[in-house]
């Protein structure tokens, strides 16, 4: 009896390529306006050479307006001057394009993150090659589903 070999589905099968990104010196206001314009809730923060520096989300932007020990609450005027590097999350959970798709699924379920940067390792920081959102993964997993009715 011949065995059939099925290819393991990878992150590359479901990810979105060329994600919307911001740079560490992008102001909070500019990041917000770009995220709003594109209808996204989170994006990678990358250096000029594409190396991942962190992630910034709408929640991170909201947090900047809340009093904390790290930063005083911002005024609307200050939002136009404060760079994303001041509020971005570092030490970000990532996946690689060749990682099994189930690895991304596990990350989403266990961490409750909404997006994972897809990176290729190399010298220095990992370079962003895509992004996978919960929506991307669900679209891929349900791609063959047909509406009933």
C-alpha atoms as a PDB file:
ATOM      1  CA  UNK A   1       0.000   0.000   0.000  1.00  0.00           C
ATOM      2  CA  UNK A   2       1.500   3.329  -1.073  1.00  0.00           C
ATOM      3  CA  UNK A   3       1.731   6.058   1.550  1.00  0.00           C
ATOM      4  CA  UNK A   4       0.681   9.516   0.580  1.00  0.00           C
ATOM      5  CA  UNK A   5       2.882  12.299   1.773  1.00  0.00           C
ATOM      6  CA  UNK A   6       1.067  15.523   2.577  1.00  0.00           C
ATOM      7  CA  UNK A   7       3.047  18.707   2.943  1.00  0.00           C
ATOM      8  CA  UNK A   8       2.987  20.335   6.350  1.00  0.00           C
ATOM      9  CA  UNK A   9       1.156  23.653   6.166  1.00  0.00           C
ATOM     10  CA  UNK A  10       3.407  26.536   7.139  1.00  0.00           C
ATOM     11  CA  UNK A  11       3.018  30.099   8.306  1.00  0.00           C
ATOM     12  CA  UNK A  12       3.921  31.239   4.762  1.00  0.00           C
ATOM     13  CA  UNK A  13       0.711  29.590   3.499  1.00  0.00           C
ATOM     14  CA  UNK A  14      -1.529  31.880   5.552  1.00  0.00           C
ATOM     15  CA  UNK A  15       0.451  35.043   6.319  1.00  0.00           C
ATOM     16  CA  UNK A  16       0.035  38.435   4.709  1.00  0.00           C
ATOM     17  CA  UNK A  17       3.191  39.582   2.979  1.00  0.00           C
ATOM     18  CA  UNK A  18       4.543  43.133   3.034  1.00  0.00           C
ATOM     19  CA  UNK A  19       2.858  44.254   6.255  1.00  0.00           C
ATOM     20  CA  UNK A  20       2.179  47.855   7.107  1.00  0.00           C
ATOM     21  CA  UNK A  21       5.063  48.999   9.308  1.00  0.00           C
ATOM     22  CA  UNK A  22       6.182  52.058  11.242  1.00  0.00           C
ATOM     23  CA  UNK A  23       9.658  53.152  12.263  1.00  0.00           C
ATOM     24  CA  UNK A  24      10.835  53.847  15.826  1.00  0.00           C
ATOM     25  CA  UNK A  25      10.856  57.606  15.170  1.00  0.00           C
ATOM     26  CA  UNK A  26       7.304  57.700  13.748  1.00  0.00           C
ATOM     27  CA  UNK A  27       5.190  59.897  16.026  1.00  0.00           C
ATOM     28  CA  UNK A  28       2.238  58.427  17.887  1.00  0.00           C
ATOM     29  CA  UNK A  29      -0.115  60.670  15.944  1.00  0.00           C
ATOM     30  CA  UNK A  30       1.289  59.561  12.584  1.00  0.00           C
ATOM     31  CA  UNK A  31       1.152  55.899  13.655  1.00  0.00           C
ATOM     32  CA  UNK A  32      -2.476  56.317  14.701  1.00  0.00           C
ATOM     33  CA  UNK A  33      -3.460  58.089  11.483  1.00  0.00           C
ATOM     34  CA  UNK A  34      -1.801  55.407   9.338  1.00  0.00           C
ATOM     35  CA  UNK A  35      -3.330  52.551  11.363  1.00  0.00           C
ATOM     36  CA  UNK A  36      -6.756  54.176  11.160  1.00  0.00           C
ATOM     37  CA  UNK A  37      -6.445  54.788   7.412  1.00  0.00           C
ATOM     38  CA  UNK A  38      -5.537  51.139   6.799  1.00  0.00           C
ATOM     39  CA  UNK A  39      -7.985  49.698   9.324  1.00  0.00           C
ATOM     40  CA  UNK A  40      -5.354  47.805  11.315  1.00  0.00           C
ATOM     41  CA  UNK A  41      -4.981  47.430  15.062  1.00  0.00           C
ATOM     42  CA  UNK A  42      -1.297  46.541  15.379  1.00  0.00           C
ATOM     43  CA  UNK A  43       1.873  46.776  13.343  1.00  0.00           C
ATOM     44  CA  UNK A  44       5.570  45.959  13.496  1.00  0.00           C
ATOM     45  CA  UNK A  45       8.075  48.663  14.337  1.00  0.00           C
ATOM     46  CA  UNK A  46      11.137  48.176  12.148  1.00  0.00           C
ATOM     47  CA  UNK A  47      14.475  49.857  11.538  1.00  0.00           C
ATOM     48  CA  UNK A  48      15.324  51.422   8.188  1.00  0.00           C
ATOM     49  CA  UNK A  49      16.849  48.060   7.166  1.00  0.00           C
ATOM     50  CA  UNK A  50      13.687  46.082   8.014  1.00  0.00           C
ATOM     51  CA  UNK A  51      14.884  44.648  11.330  1.00  0.00           C
ATOM     52  CA  UNK A  52      12.134  44.077  13.888  1.00  0.00           C
ATOM     53  CA  UNK A  53      12.380  46.459  16.843  1.00  0.00           C
ATOM     54  CA  UNK A  54       8.986  45.869  18.447  1.00  0.00           C
ATOM     55  CA  UNK A  55       5.222  46.084  17.929  1.00  0.00           C
ATOM     56  CA  UNK A  56       2.765  48.912  18.481  1.00  0.00           C
ATOM     57  CA  UNK A  57      -0.998  48.576  18.788  1.00  0.00           C
ATOM     58  CA  UNK A  58      -4.038  50.720  19.410  1.00  0.00           C
ATOM     59  CA  UNK A  59      -3.918  49.557  23.031  1.00  0.00           C
ATOM     60  CA  UNK A  60      -0.315  50.815  23.302  1.00  0.00           C
ATOM     61  CA  UNK A  61      -1.459  54.187  21.946  1.00  0.00           C
ATOM     62  CA  UNK A  62      -4.312  54.291  24.472  1.00  0.00           C
ATOM     63  CA  UNK A  63      -1.922  53.352  27.264  1.00  0.00           C
ATOM     64  CA  UNK A  64       0.105  56.499  26.491  1.00  0.00           C
ATOM     65  CA  UNK A  65      -2.869  58.583  27.632  1.00  0.00           C
ATOM     66  CA  UNK A  66      -3.159  56.757  30.950  1.00  0.00           C
ATOM     67  CA  UNK A  67      -1.082  57.829  33.943  1.00  0.00           C
ATOM     68  CA  UNK A  68       1.694  55.355  34.786  1.00  0.00           C
ATOM     69  CA  UNK A  69       5.051  55.183  36.520  1.00  0.00           C
ATOM     70  CA  UNK A  70       6.912  54.957  33.192  1.00  0.00           C
ATOM     71  CA  UNK A  71       5.349  57.935  31.438  1.00  0.00           C
ATOM     72  CA  UNK A  72       3.219  60.852  32.568  1.00  0.00           C
ATOM     73  CA  UNK A  73      -0.161  61.032  30.794  1.00  0.00           C
ATOM     74  CA  UNK A  74       0.139  62.783  27.451  1.00  0.00           C
ATOM     75  CA  UNK A  75      -1.637  65.832  26.242  1.00  0.00           C
ATOM     76  CA  UNK A  76      -2.978  65.756  22.718  1.00  0.00           C
ATOM     77  CA  UNK A  77      -0.262  68.228  21.690  1.00  0.00           C
ATOM     78  CA  UNK A  78       2.474  65.882  22.951  1.00  0.00           C
ATOM     79  CA  UNK A  79       1.165  62.959  20.879  1.00  0.00           C
ATOM     80  CA  UNK A  80       2.453  64.682  17.760  1.00  0.00           C
ATOM     81  CA  UNK A  81       6.009  64.696  19.137  1.00  0.00           C
ATOM     82  CA  UNK A  82       6.418  61.431  21.066  1.00  0.00           C
ATOM     83  CA  UNK A  83       8.050  58.703  18.942  1.00  0.00           C
ATOM     84  CA  UNK A  84       6.654  55.160  18.788  1.00  0.00           C
ATOM     85  CA  UNK A  85       9.907  53.816  20.303  1.00  0.00           C
ATOM     86  CA  UNK A  86       8.758  55.277  23.648  1.00  0.00           C
ATOM     87  CA  UNK A  87       5.645  53.083  23.829  1.00  0.00           C
ATOM     88  CA  UNK A  88       6.302  50.072  21.566  1.00  0.00           C
ATOM     89  CA  UNK A  89       6.437  46.575  23.006  1.00  0.00           C
ATOM     90  CA  UNK A  90       9.833  44.907  22.734  1.00  0.00           C
ATOM     91  CA  UNK A  91      10.552  41.190  23.130  1.00  0.00           C
ATOM     92  CA  UNK A  92       7.797  40.366  20.668  1.00  0.00           C
ATOM     93  CA  UNK A  93       6.558  36.821  19.990  1.00  0.00           C
ATOM     94  CA  UNK A  94       7.366  35.992  16.359  1.00  0.00           C
ATOM     95  CA  UNK A  95       7.026  33.128  13.908  1.00  0.00           C
ATOM     96  CA  UNK A  96       9.068  32.233  10.845  1.00  0.00           C
ATOM     97  CA  UNK A  97       7.600  31.654   7.381  1.00  0.00           C
ATOM     98  CA  UNK A  98       8.685  27.999   7.463  1.00  0.00           C
ATOM     99  CA  UNK A  99       7.248  27.322  10.941  1.00  0.00           C
ATOM    100  CA  UNK A 100       4.342  24.871  11.033  1.00  0.00           C
ATOM    101  CA  UNK A 101       0.979  26.614  10.918  1.00  0.00           C
ATOM    102  CA  UNK A 102       0.043  24.920  14.181  1.00  0.00           C
ATOM    103  CA  UNK A 103       2.821  26.930  15.910  1.00  0.00           C
ATOM    104  CA  UNK A 104       1.038  30.186  15.013  1.00  0.00           C
ATOM    105  CA  UNK A 105      -2.274  28.699  16.111  1.00  0.00           C
ATOM    106  CA  UNK A 106      -0.767  27.762  19.475  1.00  0.00           C
ATOM    107  CA  UNK A 107       0.674  31.276  19.926  1.00  0.00           C
ATOM    108  CA  UNK A 108      -2.695  32.901  19.211  1.00  0.00           C
ATOM    109  CA  UNK A 109      -4.588  30.644  21.605  1.00  0.00           C
ATOM    110  CA  UNK A 110      -2.021  30.708  24.412  1.00  0.00           C
ATOM    111  CA  UNK A 111      -1.074  34.410  24.311  1.00  0.00           C
ATOM    112  CA  UNK A 112      -4.303  35.986  23.024  1.00  0.00           C
ATOM    113  CA  UNK A 113      -2.220  38.134  20.677  1.00  0.00           C
ATOM    114  CA  UNK A 114      -4.028  39.475  17.612  1.00  0.00           C
ATOM    115  CA  UNK A 115      -1.029  39.559  15.268  1.00  0.00           C
ATOM    116  CA  UNK A 116       2.365  37.895  14.964  1.00  0.00           C
ATOM    117  CA  UNK A 117       5.215  39.350  12.938  1.00  0.00           C
ATOM    118  CA  UNK A 118       6.690  36.825  10.523  1.00  0.00           C
ATOM    119  CA  UNK A 119      10.476  37.151  10.488  1.00  0.00           C
ATOM    120  CA  UNK A 120      13.535  35.658   8.841  1.00  0.00           C
ATOM    121  CA  UNK A 121      16.529  35.283  11.081  1.00  0.00           C
ATOM    122  CA  UNK A 122      19.831  36.679   9.991  1.00  0.00           C
ATOM    123  CA  UNK A 123      22.618  38.847  11.296  1.00  0.00           C
ATOM    124  CA  UNK A 124      21.341  41.349  13.853  1.00  0.00           C
ATOM    125  CA  UNK A 125      17.635  41.501  14.580  1.00  0.00           C
ATOM    126  CA  UNK A 126      15.138  39.345  12.664  1.00  0.00           C
ATOM    127  CA  UNK A 127      13.907  40.945   9.417  1.00  0.00           C
ATOM    128  CA  UNK A 128      10.138  41.286   8.974  1.00  0.00           C
ATOM    129  CA  UNK A 129       8.849  39.446   5.883  1.00  0.00           C
ATOM    130  CA  UNK A 130       5.144  39.382   6.708  1.00  0.00           C
ATOM    131  CA  UNK A 131       2.517  39.389   9.400  1.00  0.00           C
ATOM    132  CA  UNK A 132      -0.116  36.904  10.457  1.00  0.00           C
ATOM    133  CA  UNK A 133      -3.289  38.042  12.150  1.00  0.00           C
ATOM    134  CA  UNK A 134      -5.975  35.954  13.769  1.00  0.00           C
ATOM    135  CA  UNK A 135      -8.129  36.858  10.749  1.00  0.00           C
ATOM    136  CA  UNK A 136      -5.483  35.630   8.287  1.00  0.00           C
ATOM    137  CA  UNK A 137      -5.287  32.296  10.072  1.00  0.00           C
ATOM    138  CA  UNK A 138      -9.054  31.874  10.315  1.00  0.00           C
ATOM    139  CA  UNK A 139      -9.491  32.787   6.621  1.00  0.00           C
ATOM    140  CA  UNK A 140      -6.909  30.155   5.712  1.00  0.00           C
ATOM    141  CA  UNK A 141      -8.337  27.451   7.980  1.00  0.00           C
ATOM    142  CA  UNK A 142     -11.890  28.082   6.773  1.00  0.00           C
ATOM    143  CA  UNK A 143     -11.001  28.615   3.105  1.00  0.00           C
ATOM    144  CA  UNK A 144     -12.899  25.524   1.946  1.00  0.00           C
ATOM    145  CA  UNK A 145     -15.966  26.086   4.101  1.00  0.00           C
ATOM    146  CA  UNK A 146     -19.180  26.704   2.219  1.00  0.00           C
ATOM    147  CA  UNK A 147     -22.110  28.661   3.569  1.00  0.00           C
ATOM    148  CA  UNK A 148     -25.013  26.435   4.457  1.00  0.00           C
ATOM    149  CA  UNK A 149     -28.513  27.232   3.454  1.00  0.00           C
END
